Amino acid sequence: MTELWPIVTAFCALAALFVVGLPMIWRRKLEGETVDDWLAVRRTETSDELLLSDAQLRVWDDKETENSAQAKADSITSASSRPGYQVALAGLIVLATIVLYDRLGAYEDVQITRSIASLDEATPTDVTALIARIEARSVERPGNLDYQSLLGEYYVATGNAAGALERFEAILAEAPNAPDVLGRAAQAEFVAEGQVLTERARKRAEQALAGDPRQKSALATLAMGSFGAERYQEAIGYMRVLRDLEIPGSEGHQLMISAIAEAESRLSSAGATEVVSETTAAEATKAAVTVTVSLPVGVDESALAGQTVFVIARPAGSAARMPTAVTRIPANSWPLTVSLSDANSMAGQKLSALAKVDLEVQVSPSGQPGLNNASFTGALRGVLVDSNSVAKVTIRAISQ
């Protein structure tokens, strides 16, 4: 606040000057009408004593009227110029300024933003103080979702899963379909419940994947929940998606490889009749869905250059939006022909286990999945899972 007070003081002093000081020097004399000039003219025009006498009487009457009006004006001016009124008005201006800033001011938000920008140079004490300021500010501004998100991430990093869940739920109250928030809320609840995947956490994670099939928090939550429940085949599916999202050779990539190996080992030890290895997954391409995606009439393919096409398969007739298989390709040339197989399946599911699927096509300018990010979309229901047939979908523009 040290930067703000000089500015506030200067503006309040300026307001007081206008309200208190200037009225004391801006006095205007009120002059009434007079017939002196008219009398002087008439004197030169006539020497009639009667007319002169009558004119003099009128002059005296006008003088009395003028003096009375001036006295009245002086009394009004002096009353409006009493210092007490101006001082009270100046105080009211200062009070109103303080109240308005308290309700609408954003100086503290600016200071918090500056502190966040300089976090690289901050000490642990500085970080703790900043979090305390954000917590206090979030109480004053409960609708600020950025503060809720920052606190949620901080609580996750510091092991306060219950606190993080509370913050993410506050965001979900305003944005109930945000995939990243749904995924983080599911993960926080999973940790807060002692590594137990509750029904609500599972539904939130699946809803997050329906909006964004590559939402890491949701994938990790379902993977750990399935692993803990000894559903190793399902866990392996989620882990493979997570592995493919990591940069090859990175720490996260190696961690997923180790986790997949551990899950496959436990699956084998449990007496599973079949362990789906990488080779098996690569070979499971006989059952597939092939779809040709075409542009609508009148749309030039250059208008979609550089955009990303998502082809999504779900169980036929299912109300859930959890994908069974997903593939993405660049929109280079039209029409596009895409094949979906078990190699594109997600989260331990198998496309080959379904007889029919519903297909959805999304064209995304940003490269992010989800109807909210799509400029064109198309759908086809009840498509047979058969590598010998080709389904055809014509996309349409989404009305903005």
Foldseek 3Di string as FASTA:
>chain_A
DVVVVVVLVVVLVVLLCVLQPVLVPPDDQDFDDACVVVLVVVVVVDPDPVVNVVVVVVRVVVVVVRVVVRVVVVVVSVVSNDNVVSVVVSVVVSVVVVVCCLLDNCPLVVVLVVLVVPVVPDDPVSVVVSLVSLVVVCVSVVVPLVSLCVNLVVCVVVVNLVSNLVSLVSVCVVVVQALLSLLSNLLSVCVVVPNERDPSSLVSLLSSCLAFVLRLSSLVSLLSNCVVVLVLLLNLQSLVSQLVVDDPPDPSNVVSVVVNVVSLVSCVVVVDPDRCDPVNLVPQFQFKAKEWEAEDPPDDLVVLAPWKKKKFKDAFPDPRSRTQFIDMDGSHDPGDMDMTFSNRGGRSHGPVVGQFIKMKMFIANVHTGHPVRGQKMWIDGGHGRGPVDYHYIYIDGDDD
